[in-house]
Protein backbone atom coordinates (compact mmCIF):
# COMPACT_ATOMS: atom_id res chain seq x y z
CA MET A 1 93.88 100.41 100.58
CA ASP A 2 94.42 98.45 97.26
CA ILE A 3 96.98 96.17 98.26
CA SER A 4 97.48 94.96 95.03
CA GLN A 5 98.93 98.36 94.08
CA CYS A 6 101.58 98.66 96.91
CA ALA A 7 104.82 98.69 96.21
CA ARG A 8 105.83 97.64 99.97
CA CYS A 9 108.20 100.38 100.24
CA GLY A 10 107.54 101.23 103.62
CA VAL A 11 106.94 105.03 103.28
CA CYS A 12 103.62 105.31 104.84
CA SER A 13 104.92 103.33 107.90
CA GLN A 14 108.23 105.96 108.08
CA HIS A 15 105.74 108.89 108.10
CA CYS A 16 103.03 107.41 110.58
CA PRO A 17 103.47 109.86 113.45
CA THR A 18 101.75 107.26 115.89
CA GLY A 19 103.36 103.98 114.91
CA ALA A 20 100.11 102.47 113.80
CA ILE A 21 101.37 100.95 110.67
CA GLU A 22 103.06 97.81 110.23
CA ILE A 23 105.01 96.59 106.72
CA ARG A 24 105.05 93.02 106.09
CA LYS A 25 106.99 92.53 103.02
CA GLU A 26 106.84 88.88 102.80
CA GLU A 27 102.93 88.52 103.46
CA GLU A 28 100.32 88.76 101.04
CA GLN A 29 98.65 91.16 103.64
CA CYS A 30 101.55 93.05 103.60
CA VAL A 31 100.30 96.60 105.65
CA LEU A 32 98.39 95.83 109.00
CA VAL A 33 97.16 99.56 110.28
CA ASP A 34 96.24 99.43 114.09
CA TRP A 35 92.48 101.05 113.96
CA TYR A 36 93.28 101.69 117.70
CA THR A 37 96.43 103.75 117.59
CA CYS A 38 95.71 105.24 114.09
CA LYS A 39 94.08 109.04 115.05
CA GLY A 40 92.98 109.35 111.08
CA CYS A 41 95.37 112.08 109.89
CA GLY A 42 96.09 110.66 106.88
CA ILE A 43 99.52 111.36 106.56
CA CYS A 44 100.15 107.81 105.22
CA ALA A 45 97.43 108.62 102.25
CA ASN A 46 99.41 111.84 101.29
CA VAL A 47 103.00 110.13 101.06
CA CYS A 48 102.07 106.86 99.40
CA PRO A 49 103.73 106.65 96.33
CA LYS A 50 101.44 104.83 94.29
CA GLN A 51 98.68 106.38 96.22
CA CYS A 52 97.12 103.15 97.01
CA MET A 53 96.10 104.16 100.60
CA SER A 54 92.91 106.71 100.52
CA MET A 55 91.19 108.43 103.25
CA ILE A 56 87.50 107.52 104.19
CA PRO A 57 84.87 108.81 106.28
CA GLU A 58 84.41 106.37 109.46
CA PRO A 59 80.66 105.47 109.70
CA LYS A 60 78.46 107.03 112.44
CA GLU A 61 76.87 104.70 114.91
CA ASN A 62 73.47 105.22 116.10
CA GLY A 63 73.55 108.97 114.48
CA TYR A 64 76.57 110.26 116.37
């Protein structure tokens, strides 16, 4: 996620089906993701008008 490009518009948060994204417009770290709630669907990255969000594979632990 490239926070420096974020417009703080909240589109990602509005489209998140699990409510895992919170926007705090007044803070430097304006996008907060609850990784326990996020299901990795990628909707947030697809709807971001600035394309500052991207999906990356989760590292596999212990080869599994």
